[in-house]
Amino acid sequence: MKPILYGLQYVIDHQLFGKTRPLICGLVLTNRCNLGCRHCRVAKRGQKDLSFEQVCAAIHAYYEQGGRCLYLQGGEPFLWHDGPYGLDDVVDYARTLGFLTVVIYTNGTYPLHTSASTVFVSVDGLETTHDALRGKSFERIMGNIQRSVHPSLYINYTINSLNKDEIGAFCAHVERFDRIRGVFFYFHTPYYGYDELYIEPDERTRILHTILDLKKQYRILNSRAGLRAALRNDWERPLSICTVYEESTTYTCCRHAGDPELCRQCGYLSYAEIDQTLKLKPSAVLQALKYF
C-alpha cells in the first residue's frame, strides 16, 4: 500500500505543484557481465565496481533528494560483491533507509533468489534467436525462472531486426510459465550507431500495432497508453526525474544523454510508461501498480 500511496502523492505533487524530485534512481553496481550480447558495449566502459560504502553513499544521496524507487543494474548486478557484501545486502540497506521499491535488472543466468521487490529478466526471443543475440544462455535462464519462487518476476524483451517476427510465438511460450507475470517490450536503441539490429520507423509502427493486438490474449506489461505514446513517439525525453549513477557520475535519464537524435530514436519504452502515468492515463497507471 505504501508504494501506491507514494505514487499517487508523487503524481499530485508533479502535476499540480511542479515538484521534480527523482522518481527512478538507477544504480550501476558493476559494468562486468558474464554474457557478450551483440547489442551491448557496457563492459567496455570499464568495470567500475562500487564498494559497499560507495553503494550506501549513493543510495543515501538518492533518498535525501526524495527518491524512493531504486533500480539495481549493471553489467550483471548478481556478479557484484564487495568482500562479504552481496546484492541482497544492497536491497536490505535501501529498504532499511526507506526505499519503497527495489527493482533488479538481470540477464537471468544466476539463480533468481533475492528479496528485491521486482525482478526483470532479459530474454530476447526463443532459444535459437536469444542465443544468437546473447550467447548460449536461454535454457539456463528459463530453468532459473522455473526454479524461482519470487512473486514479482517479469521478462524484458528488446525488439530488434532478428527477433521482431517471433514476438507472438514468444508470448505464447511465456504462457507456460506461471512464475512469469508478464513481458515488457523495448526496442533496440542505436546507442553505438545504426547497426544490423536497428528497426526502421515504419517497421516499428507495424510492430507496435501487433503488440497492441497481442495484449488481448497475452500478459504484456506495456500499457495501451504507453504503446500509443510510442506510436506517436511523443513522450518526454530526456526525463529529468530519472537518473543513473555510475561510479562517480550521475546521468539524467540514461548513460547516453545529450544526443537529441538518439533521444528521438529511443526504444526504452518504460520511460514512455512513466510519461503516460504522470499524465494520469488510466491504462498506464493500472499497469504501473502491478510492479510497484
C-alpha atoms as a PDB file:
ATOM      1  CA  MET A   1       0.000   0.000   0.000  1.00  0.00           C
ATOM      2  CA  LYS A   2       2.841   2.435   0.806  1.00  0.00           C
ATOM      3  CA  PRO A   3       4.276   2.398  -2.757  1.00  0.00           C
ATOM      4  CA  ILE A   4       0.800   3.055  -4.173  1.00  0.00           C
ATOM      5  CA  LEU A   5       0.180   5.989  -1.833  1.00  0.00           C
ATOM      6  CA  TYR A   6       3.635   7.352  -2.598  1.00  0.00           C
ATOM      7  CA  GLY A   7       2.987   7.081  -6.329  1.00  0.00           C
ATOM      8  CA  LEU A   8      -0.309   8.910  -6.068  1.00  0.00           C
ATOM      9  CA  GLN A   9       1.269  11.671  -3.985  1.00  0.00           C
ATOM     10  CA  TYR A  10       4.160  11.914  -6.445  1.00  0.00           C
ATOM     11  CA  VAL A  11       1.785  12.414  -9.378  1.00  0.00           C
ATOM     12  CA  ILE A  12      -0.183  15.070  -7.475  1.00  0.00           C
ATOM     13  CA  ASP A  13       2.992  16.939  -6.485  1.00  0.00           C
ATOM     14  CA  HIS A  14       4.400  16.689 -10.015  1.00  0.00           C
ATOM     15  CA  GLN A  15       1.243  17.701 -11.859  1.00  0.00           C
ATOM     16  CA  LEU A  16      -0.231  20.307  -9.525  1.00  0.00           C
ATOM     17  CA  PHE A  17       2.808  21.782  -7.809  1.00  0.00           C
ATOM     18  CA  GLY A  18       5.572  21.233 -10.370  1.00  0.00           C
ATOM     19  CA  LYS A  19       7.823  19.313  -7.982  1.00  0.00           C
ATOM     20  CA  THR A  20      10.622  17.427  -9.730  1.00  0.00           C
ATOM     21  CA  ARG A  21      12.207  15.221  -7.099  1.00  0.00           C
ATOM     22  CA  PRO A  22      13.686  11.974  -8.503  1.00  0.00           C
ATOM     23  CA  LEU A  23      11.281   9.167  -9.329  1.00  0.00           C
ATOM     24  CA  ILE A  24      13.531   6.387 -10.648  1.00  0.00           C
ATOM     25  CA  CYS A  25      17.097   6.125  -9.360  1.00  0.00           C
ATOM     26  CA  GLY A  26      19.234   3.645 -11.311  1.00  0.00           C
ATOM     27  CA  LEU A  27      22.366   2.380  -9.572  1.00  0.00           C
ATOM     28  CA  VAL A  28      25.079   0.708 -11.671  1.00  0.00           C
ATOM     29  CA  LEU A  29      26.759  -1.692  -9.250  1.00  0.00           C
ATOM     30  CA  THR A  30      29.196  -3.012 -11.849  1.00  0.00           C
ATOM     31  CA  ASN A  31      29.737  -2.981 -15.603  1.00  0.00           C
ATOM     32  CA  ARG A  32      31.034  -6.544 -15.528  1.00  0.00           C
ATOM     33  CA  CYS A  33      28.887  -9.149 -17.252  1.00  0.00           C
ATOM     34  CA  ASN A  34      29.158 -12.870 -17.939  1.00  0.00           C
ATOM     35  CA  LEU A  35      27.494 -12.524 -21.358  1.00  0.00           C
ATOM     36  CA  GLY A  36      28.654 -10.772 -24.524  1.00  0.00           C
ATOM     37  CA  CYS A  37      25.413  -9.553 -26.101  1.00  0.00           C
ATOM     38  CA  ARG A  38      25.544  -8.217 -29.659  1.00  0.00           C
ATOM     39  CA  HIS A  39      23.704  -5.023 -28.792  1.00  0.00           C
ATOM     40  CA  CYS A  40      25.681  -4.081 -25.659  1.00  0.00           C
ATOM     41  CA  ARG A  41      29.067  -2.447 -25.025  1.00  0.00           C
ATOM     42  CA  VAL A  42      28.603  -1.589 -21.368  1.00  0.00           C
ATOM     43  CA  ALA A  43      31.547  -3.760 -20.348  1.00  0.00           C
ATOM     44  CA  LYS A  44      33.830  -1.548 -22.460  1.00  0.00           C
ATOM     45  CA  ARG A  45      33.038   1.398 -20.160  1.00  0.00           C
ATOM     46  CA  GLY A  46      35.316  -0.221 -17.572  1.00  0.00           C
ATOM     47  CA  GLN A  47      34.416  -2.479 -14.658  1.00  0.00           C
ATOM     48  CA  LYS A  48      33.524   0.398 -12.298  1.00  0.00           C
ATOM     49  CA  ASP A  49      32.598  -1.873  -9.422  1.00  0.00           C
ATOM     50  CA  LEU A  50      31.301   0.131  -6.493  1.00  0.00           C
ATOM     51  CA  SER A  51      32.381  -0.633  -2.962  1.00  0.00           C
ATOM     52  CA  PHE A  52      29.622  -1.269  -0.458  1.00  0.00           C
ATOM     53  CA  GLU A  53      30.491   2.068   1.124  1.00  0.00           C
ATOM     54  CA  GLN A  54      30.030   3.825  -2.238  1.00  0.00           C
ATOM     55  CA  VAL A  55      26.755   1.972  -2.794  1.00  0.00           C
ATOM     56  CA  CYS A  56      25.394   3.084   0.568  1.00  0.00           C
ATOM     57  CA  ALA A  57      26.525   6.684  -0.024  1.00  0.00           C
ATOM     58  CA  ALA A  58      24.812   6.793  -3.445  1.00  0.00           C
ATOM     59  CA  ILE A  59      21.589   5.275  -2.095  1.00  0.00           C
ATOM     60  CA  HIS A  60      21.596   7.707   0.841  1.00  0.00           C
ATOM     61  CA  ALA A  61      22.090  10.642  -1.538  1.00  0.00           C
ATOM     62  CA  TYR A  62      19.142   9.442  -3.649  1.00  0.00           C
ATOM     63  CA  TYR A  63      17.000   9.207  -0.527  1.00  0.00           C
ATOM     64  CA  GLU A  64      17.917  12.708   0.600  1.00  0.00           C
ATOM     65  CA  GLN A  65      16.912  14.027  -2.840  1.00  0.00           C
ATOM     66  CA  GLY A  66      13.492  12.420  -2.419  1.00  0.00           C
ATOM     67  CA  GLY A  67      13.968   9.197  -4.412  1.00  0.00           C
ATOM     68  CA  ARG A  68      12.057   6.159  -3.193  1.00  0.00           C
ATOM     69  CA  CYS A  69      12.329   3.785  -6.198  1.00  0.00           C
ATOM     70  CA  LEU A  70      15.729   2.146  -6.711  1.00  0.00           C
ATOM     71  CA  TYR A  71      16.779   0.161  -9.780  1.00  0.00           C
ATOM     72  CA  LEU A  72      19.871  -2.052  -9.407  1.00  0.00           C
ATOM     73  CA  GLN A  73      21.584  -2.692 -12.732  1.00  0.00           C
ATOM     74  CA  GLY A  74      24.872  -3.364 -14.476  1.00  0.00           C
ATOM     75  CA  GLY A  75      26.512  -5.092 -16.284  1.00  0.00           C
ATOM     76  CA  GLU A  76      25.086  -8.024 -14.397  1.00  0.00           C
ATOM     77  CA  PRO A  77      24.131  -6.999 -10.840  1.00  0.00           C
ATOM     78  CA  PHE A  78      24.255 -10.555  -9.487  1.00  0.00           C
ATOM     79  CA  LEU A  79      28.001 -10.519 -10.222  1.00  0.00           C
ATOM     80  CA  TRP A  80      28.517  -7.649  -7.786  1.00  0.00           C
ATOM     81  CA  HIS A  81      30.062  -8.220  -4.381  1.00  0.00           C
ATOM     82  CA  ASP A  82      32.384  -6.387  -2.046  1.00  0.00           C
ATOM     83  CA  GLY A  83      34.002  -8.729   0.442  1.00  0.00           C
ATOM     84  CA  PRO A  84      31.157 -10.219   2.497  1.00  0.00           C
ATOM     85  CA  TYR A  85      28.537  -7.956   0.887  1.00  0.00           C
ATOM     86  CA  GLY A  86      26.342  -9.155  -1.956  1.00  0.00           C
ATOM     87  CA  LEU A  87      23.324  -7.957  -3.887  1.00  0.00           C
ATOM     88  CA  ASP A  88      20.741  -8.579  -1.177  1.00  0.00           C
ATOM     89  CA  ASP A  89      22.786  -6.529   1.288  1.00  0.00           C
ATOM     90  CA  VAL A  90      22.197  -3.594  -1.069  1.00  0.00           C
ATOM     91  CA  VAL A  91      18.473  -4.393  -1.187  1.00  0.00           C
ATOM     92  CA  ASP A  92      18.332  -4.605   2.605  1.00  0.00           C
ATOM     93  CA  TYR A  93      20.168  -1.302   3.065  1.00  0.00           C
ATOM     94  CA  ALA A  94      17.824   0.501   0.674  1.00  0.00           C
ATOM     95  CA  ARG A  95      14.779  -0.926   2.445  1.00  0.00           C
ATOM     96  CA  THR A  96      16.133  -0.011   5.886  1.00  0.00           C
ATOM     97  CA  LEU A  97      16.735   3.528   4.699  1.00  0.00           C
ATOM     98  CA  GLY A  98      13.158   3.849   3.480  1.00  0.00           C
ATOM     99  CA  PHE A  99      13.057   2.982  -0.234  1.00  0.00           C
ATOM    100  CA  LEU A 100       9.625   1.647  -1.128  1.00  0.00           C
ATOM    101  CA  THR A 101      10.551  -0.293  -4.264  1.00  0.00           C
ATOM    102  CA  VAL A 102      13.823  -2.000  -5.190  1.00  0.00           C
ATOM    103  CA  VAL A 103      13.980  -3.480  -8.695  1.00  0.00           C
ATOM    104  CA  ILE A 104      16.714  -5.665 -10.201  1.00  0.00           C
ATOM    105  CA  TYR A 105      17.520  -5.851 -13.922  1.00  0.00           C
ATOM    106  CA  THR A 106      19.348  -9.132 -14.636  1.00  0.00           C
ATOM    107  CA  ASN A 107      20.266 -11.402 -17.531  1.00  0.00           C
ATOM    108  CA  GLY A 108      18.818 -14.292 -15.539  1.00  0.00           C
ATOM    109  CA  THR A 109      21.824 -16.591 -15.737  1.00  0.00           C
ATOM    110  CA  TYR A 110      22.223 -16.624 -11.945  1.00  0.00           C
ATOM    111  CA  PRO A 111      19.645 -18.110  -9.538  1.00  0.00           C
ATOM    112  CA  LEU A 112      16.852 -15.613  -9.022  1.00  0.00           C
ATOM    113  CA  HIS A 113      16.961 -15.624  -5.236  1.00  0.00           C
ATOM    114  CA  THR A 114      16.526 -12.111  -3.908  1.00  0.00           C
ATOM    115  CA  SER A 115      14.351 -10.058  -1.576  1.00  0.00           C
ATOM    116  CA  ALA A 116      14.049  -7.253  -4.156  1.00  0.00           C
ATOM    117  CA  SER A 117      10.509  -6.043  -4.851  1.00  0.00           C
ATOM    118  CA  THR A 118      10.585  -6.945  -8.565  1.00  0.00           C
ATOM    119  CA  VAL A 119      12.980  -8.736 -10.902  1.00  0.00           C
ATOM    120  CA  PHE A 120      13.143  -8.081 -14.645  1.00  0.00           C
ATOM    121  CA  VAL A 121      14.926 -10.808 -16.629  1.00  0.00           C
ATOM    122  CA  SER A 122      16.219 -10.020 -20.127  1.00  0.00           C
ATOM    123  CA  VAL A 123      15.166 -12.642 -22.703  1.00  0.00           C
ATOM    124  CA  ASP A 124      15.288 -11.591 -26.351  1.00  0.00           C
ATOM    125  CA  GLY A 125      13.393 -14.254 -28.215  1.00  0.00           C
ATOM    126  CA  LEU A 126      13.010 -18.000 -28.402  1.00  0.00           C
ATOM    127  CA  GLU A 127      16.029 -20.193 -27.802  1.00  0.00           C
ATOM    128  CA  THR A 128      17.828 -20.034 -31.167  1.00  0.00           C
ATOM    129  CA  THR A 129      17.319 -16.296 -31.599  1.00  0.00           C
ATOM    130  CA  HIS A 130      18.047 -15.388 -27.993  1.00  0.00           C
ATOM    131  CA  ASP A 131      21.264 -17.422 -28.001  1.00  0.00           C
ATOM    132  CA  ALA A 132      22.349 -15.802 -31.275  1.00  0.00           C
ATOM    133  CA  LEU A 133      21.914 -12.380 -29.670  1.00  0.00           C
ATOM    134  CA  ARG A 134      23.158 -13.014 -26.133  1.00  0.00           C
ATOM    135  CA  GLY A 135      25.201 -16.205 -26.233  1.00  0.00           C
ATOM    136  CA  LYS A 136      24.047 -19.688 -25.246  1.00  0.00           C
ATOM    137  CA  SER A 137      22.012 -18.968 -22.133  1.00  0.00           C
ATOM    138  CA  PHE A 138      18.303 -19.413 -22.913  1.00  0.00           C
ATOM    139  CA  GLU A 139      17.938 -22.861 -21.369  1.00  0.00           C
ATOM    140  CA  ARG A 140      19.753 -21.822 -18.188  1.00  0.00           C
ATOM    141  CA  ILE A 141      17.646 -18.654 -17.838  1.00  0.00           C
ATOM    142  CA  MET A 142      14.336 -20.444 -18.275  1.00  0.00           C
ATOM    143  CA  GLY A 143      15.477 -23.058 -15.758  1.00  0.00           C
ATOM    144  CA  ASN A 144      16.277 -20.334 -13.234  1.00  0.00           C
ATOM    145  CA  ILE A 145      12.848 -18.812 -13.823  1.00  0.00           C
ATOM    146  CA  GLN A 146      11.143 -22.168 -13.255  1.00  0.00           C
ATOM    147  CA  ARG A 147      13.064 -22.713 -10.013  1.00  0.00           C
ATOM    148  CA  SER A 148      12.461 -19.190  -8.723  1.00  0.00           C
ATOM    149  CA  VAL A 149       9.865 -18.523  -6.046  1.00  0.00           C
ATOM    150  CA  HIS A 150       9.974 -14.763  -6.491  1.00  0.00           C
ATOM    151  CA  PRO A 151       6.440 -13.299  -6.527  1.00  0.00           C
ATOM    152  CA  SER A 152       7.107 -10.431  -8.962  1.00  0.00           C
ATOM    153  CA  LEU A 153       9.081 -11.727 -11.927  1.00  0.00           C
ATOM    154  CA  TYR A 154       8.886 -10.199 -15.424  1.00  0.00           C
ATOM    155  CA  ILE A 155      10.636 -10.553 -18.783  1.00  0.00           C
ATOM    156  CA  ASN A 156      12.288  -7.665 -20.627  1.00  0.00           C
ATOM    157  CA  TYR A 157      12.293  -8.323 -24.387  1.00  0.00           C
ATOM    158  CA  THR A 158      14.226  -5.870 -26.565  1.00  0.00           C
ATOM    159  CA  ILE A 159      12.870  -5.965 -30.108  1.00  0.00           C
ATOM    160  CA  ASN A 160      15.393  -5.832 -32.950  1.00  0.00           C
ATOM    161  CA  SER A 161      15.655  -6.896 -36.582  1.00  0.00           C
ATOM    162  CA  LEU A 162      16.459 -10.518 -35.633  1.00  0.00           C
ATOM    163  CA  ASN A 163      13.663 -11.209 -33.160  1.00  0.00           C
ATOM    164  CA  LYS A 164      10.890  -8.915 -34.434  1.00  0.00           C
ATOM    165  CA  ASP A 165       8.937 -11.711 -36.112  1.00  0.00           C
ATOM    166  CA  GLU A 166       8.661 -14.078 -33.164  1.00  0.00           C
ATOM    167  CA  ILE A 167       7.012 -11.770 -30.615  1.00  0.00           C
ATOM    168  CA  GLY A 168       3.715 -13.656 -30.753  1.00  0.00           C
ATOM    169  CA  ALA A 169       5.419 -17.050 -30.520  1.00  0.00           C
ATOM    170  CA  PHE A 170       7.462 -15.824 -27.556  1.00  0.00           C
ATOM    171  CA  CYS A 171       4.342 -14.587 -25.757  1.00  0.00           C
ATOM    172  CA  ALA A 172       2.751 -17.993 -26.295  1.00  0.00           C
ATOM    173  CA  HIS A 173       5.878 -19.674 -24.913  1.00  0.00           C
ATOM    174  CA  VAL A 174       5.840 -17.485 -21.800  1.00  0.00           C
ATOM    175  CA  GLU A 175       2.242 -18.530 -21.062  1.00  0.00           C
ATOM    176  CA  ARG A 176       3.649 -21.909 -19.986  1.00  0.00           C
ATOM    177  CA  PHE A 177       5.462 -20.329 -17.042  1.00  0.00           C
ATOM    178  CA  ASP A 178       3.247 -19.377 -14.117  1.00  0.00           C
ATOM    179  CA  ARG A 179       6.162 -17.598 -12.431  1.00  0.00           C
ATOM    180  CA  ILE A 180       6.381 -15.012 -15.221  1.00  0.00           C
ATOM    181  CA  ARG A 181       3.859 -12.283 -14.520  1.00  0.00           C
ATOM    182  CA  GLY A 182       4.300 -10.599 -17.890  1.00  0.00           C
ATOM    183  CA  VAL A 183       6.567  -9.401 -20.690  1.00  0.00           C
ATOM    184  CA  PHE A 184       7.683  -5.816 -21.182  1.00  0.00           C
ATOM    185  CA  PHE A 185       8.789  -4.847 -24.682  1.00  0.00           C
ATOM    186  CA  TYR A 186      11.503  -2.367 -25.624  1.00  0.00           C
ATOM    187  CA  PHE A 187      13.047  -1.505 -28.976  1.00  0.00           C
ATOM    188  CA  HIS A 188      16.722  -1.704 -29.800  1.00  0.00           C
ATOM    189  CA  THR A 189      18.207   1.775 -29.390  1.00  0.00           C
ATOM    190  CA  PRO A 190      21.164   2.624 -31.683  1.00  0.00           C
ATOM    191  CA  TYR A 191      23.462   3.745 -28.858  1.00  0.00           C
ATOM    192  CA  TYR A 192      26.512   2.840 -30.945  1.00  0.00           C
ATOM    193  CA  GLY A 193      25.198   3.780 -34.384  1.00  0.00           C
ATOM    194  CA  TYR A 194      22.754   2.280 -36.876  1.00  0.00           C
ATOM    195  CA  ASP A 195      23.718  -1.380 -36.882  1.00  0.00           C
ATOM    196  CA  GLU A 196      22.121  -4.534 -38.273  1.00  0.00           C
ATOM    197  CA  LEU A 197      19.766  -4.744 -35.279  1.00  0.00           C
ATOM    198  CA  TYR A 198      18.130  -1.367 -35.948  1.00  0.00           C
ATOM    199  CA  ILE A 199      14.456  -1.262 -36.973  1.00  0.00           C
ATOM    200  CA  GLU A 200      13.197   1.498 -39.269  1.00  0.00           C
ATOM    201  CA  PRO A 201      10.309   3.704 -38.032  1.00  0.00           C
ATOM    202  CA  ASP A 202       7.681   2.221 -40.397  1.00  0.00           C
ATOM    203  CA  GLU A 203       8.517  -1.289 -39.239  1.00  0.00           C
ATOM    204  CA  ARG A 204       8.473  -0.167 -35.601  1.00  0.00           C
ATOM    205  CA  THR A 205       4.953   1.180 -36.160  1.00  0.00           C
ATOM    206  CA  ARG A 206       3.801  -2.161 -37.565  1.00  0.00           C
ATOM    207  CA  ILE A 207       5.272  -3.999 -34.585  1.00  0.00           C
ATOM    208  CA  LEU A 208       3.629  -1.668 -32.070  1.00  0.00           C
ATOM    209  CA  HIS A 209       0.239  -2.336 -33.650  1.00  0.00           C
ATOM    210  CA  THR A 210       0.970  -6.062 -33.412  1.00  0.00           C
ATOM    211  CA  ILE A 211       1.774  -5.760 -29.690  1.00  0.00           C
ATOM    212  CA  LEU A 212      -1.406  -3.766 -29.094  1.00  0.00           C
ATOM    213  CA  ASP A 213      -3.332  -6.612 -30.703  1.00  0.00           C
ATOM    214  CA  LEU A 214      -1.450  -9.309 -28.757  1.00  0.00           C
ATOM    215  CA  LYS A 215      -2.353  -7.594 -25.478  1.00  0.00           C
ATOM    216  CA  LYS A 216      -5.850  -9.018 -25.925  1.00  0.00           C
ATOM    217  CA  GLN A 217      -4.605 -12.537 -25.196  1.00  0.00           C
ATOM    218  CA  TYR A 218      -1.184 -12.380 -23.524  1.00  0.00           C
ATOM    219  CA  ARG A 219       0.370 -10.972 -20.349  1.00  0.00           C
ATOM    220  CA  ILE A 220       2.054  -7.926 -21.867  1.00  0.00           C
ATOM    221  CA  LEU A 221       3.080  -5.308 -19.320  1.00  0.00           C
ATOM    222  CA  ASN A 222       3.285  -2.334 -21.695  1.00  0.00           C
ATOM    223  CA  SER A 223       0.091  -0.323 -21.319  1.00  0.00           C
ATOM    224  CA  ARG A 224      -2.038   0.729 -24.261  1.00  0.00           C
ATOM    225  CA  ALA A 225      -1.291   4.348 -23.388  1.00  0.00           C
ATOM    226  CA  GLY A 226       2.451   3.661 -23.371  1.00  0.00           C
ATOM    227  CA  LEU A 227       2.321   1.822 -26.684  1.00  0.00           C
ATOM    228  CA  ARG A 228       0.292   4.614 -28.282  1.00  0.00           C
ATOM    229  CA  ALA A 229       2.823   7.164 -26.984  1.00  0.00           C
ATOM    230  CA  ALA A 230       5.494   5.041 -28.674  1.00  0.00           C
ATOM    231  CA  LEU A 231       3.481   5.114 -31.900  1.00  0.00           C
ATOM    232  CA  ARG A 232       3.357   8.906 -31.723  1.00  0.00           C
ATOM    233  CA  ASN A 233       6.961   8.991 -30.471  1.00  0.00           C
ATOM    234  CA  ASP A 234       5.987  11.944 -28.314  1.00  0.00           C
ATOM    235  CA  TRP A 235       6.844  11.019 -24.732  1.00  0.00           C
ATOM    236  CA  GLU A 236       9.094  13.386 -22.820  1.00  0.00           C
ATOM    237  CA  ARG A 237      12.841  12.912 -23.332  1.00  0.00           C
ATOM    238  CA  PRO A 238      15.111  13.260 -21.537  1.00  0.00           C
ATOM    239  CA  LEU A 239      13.192  12.532 -18.340  1.00  0.00           C
ATOM    240  CA  SER A 240      14.815  14.678 -15.673  1.00  0.00           C
ATOM    241  CA  ILE A 241      13.107  12.734 -12.874  1.00  0.00           C
ATOM    242  CA  CYS A 242      15.042   9.581 -13.854  1.00  0.00           C
ATOM    243  CA  THR A 243      18.756   9.322 -13.100  1.00  0.00           C
ATOM    244  CA  VAL A 244      21.504   6.715 -13.414  1.00  0.00           C
ATOM    245  CA  TYR A 245      24.540   6.648 -11.121  1.00  0.00           C
ATOM    246  CA  GLU A 246      27.706   5.019 -12.494  1.00  0.00           C
ATOM    247  CA  GLU A 247      30.736   5.243 -10.225  1.00  0.00           C
ATOM    248  CA  SER A 248      31.165   8.977  -9.524  1.00  0.00           C
ATOM    249  CA  THR A 249      28.837  10.293 -12.249  1.00  0.00           C
ATOM    250  CA  THR A 250      25.073  10.846 -12.181  1.00  0.00           C
ATOM    251  CA  TYR A 251      23.397  10.886 -15.597  1.00  0.00           C
ATOM    252  CA  THR A 252      19.985  12.330 -16.361  1.00  0.00           C
ATOM    253  CA  CYS A 253      17.664   9.785 -17.992  1.00  0.00           C
ATOM    254  CA  CYS A 254      20.351   7.399 -19.289  1.00  0.00           C
ATOM    255  CA  ARG A 255      24.102   6.925 -19.664  1.00  0.00           C
ATOM    256  CA  HIS A 256      23.971   8.258 -23.234  1.00  0.00           C
ATOM    257  CA  ALA A 257      22.309  11.596 -22.509  1.00  0.00           C
ATOM    258  CA  GLY A 258      22.866  14.749 -24.562  1.00  0.00           C
ATOM    259  CA  ASP A 259      22.220  13.414 -28.077  1.00  0.00           C
ATOM    260  CA  PRO A 260      18.866  14.699 -29.466  1.00  0.00           C
ATOM    261  CA  GLU A 261      18.873  12.265 -32.400  1.00  0.00           C
ATOM    262  CA  LEU A 262      19.481   9.318 -30.086  1.00  0.00           C
ATOM    263  CA  CYS A 263      16.638  10.543 -27.866  1.00  0.00           C
ATOM    264  CA  ARG A 264      14.357  10.613 -30.905  1.00  0.00           C
ATOM    265  CA  GLN A 265      15.301   7.005 -31.694  1.00  0.00           C
ATOM    266  CA  CYS A 266      14.995   5.854 -28.062  1.00  0.00           C
ATOM    267  CA  GLY A 267      13.360   2.471 -27.603  1.00  0.00           C
ATOM    268  CA  TYR A 268      13.381   2.478 -23.796  1.00  0.00           C
ATOM    269  CA  LEU A 269       9.618   2.232 -23.545  1.00  0.00           C
ATOM    270  CA  SER A 270       9.483   2.100 -19.745  1.00  0.00           C
ATOM    271  CA  TYR A 271      10.046   5.852 -19.867  1.00  0.00           C
ATOM    272  CA  ALA A 272       7.053   6.187 -22.165  1.00  0.00           C
ATOM    273  CA  GLU A 273       5.116   4.383 -19.420  1.00  0.00           C
ATOM    274  CA  ILE A 274       6.346   6.839 -16.790  1.00  0.00           C
ATOM    275  CA  ASP A 275       5.407   9.768 -19.005  1.00  0.00           C
ATOM    276  CA  GLN A 276       1.894   8.422 -19.532  1.00  0.00           C
ATOM    277  CA  THR A 277       1.464   7.537 -15.859  1.00  0.00           C
ATOM    278  CA  LEU A 278       2.347  11.092 -14.857  1.00  0.00           C
ATOM    279  CA  LYS A 279      -0.285  12.262 -17.341  1.00  0.00           C
ATOM    280  CA  LEU A 280      -2.783  10.041 -15.457  1.00  0.00           C
ATOM    281  CA  LYS A 281      -3.589   7.832 -18.444  1.00  0.00           C
ATOM    282  CA  PRO A 282      -5.641   5.041 -16.801  1.00  0.00           C
ATOM    283  CA  SER A 283      -4.060   2.057 -18.565  1.00  0.00           C
ATOM    284  CA  ALA A 284      -0.537   3.262 -17.705  1.00  0.00           C
ATOM    285  CA  VAL A 285      -1.465   3.851 -14.060  1.00  0.00           C
ATOM    286  CA  LEU A 286      -3.026   0.385 -13.754  1.00  0.00           C
ATOM    287  CA  GLN A 287      -0.009  -1.336 -15.315  1.00  0.00           C
ATOM    288  CA  ALA A 288       2.429   0.587 -13.060  1.00  0.00           C
ATOM    289  CA  LEU A 289       0.569  -0.636  -9.983  1.00  0.00           C
ATOM    290  CA  LYS A 290       1.376  -4.234 -10.978  1.00  0.00           C
ATOM    291  CA  TYR A 291       5.100  -3.986 -10.328  1.00  0.00           C
ATOM    292  CA  PHE A 292       5.487  -1.052  -7.918  1.00  0.00           C
END
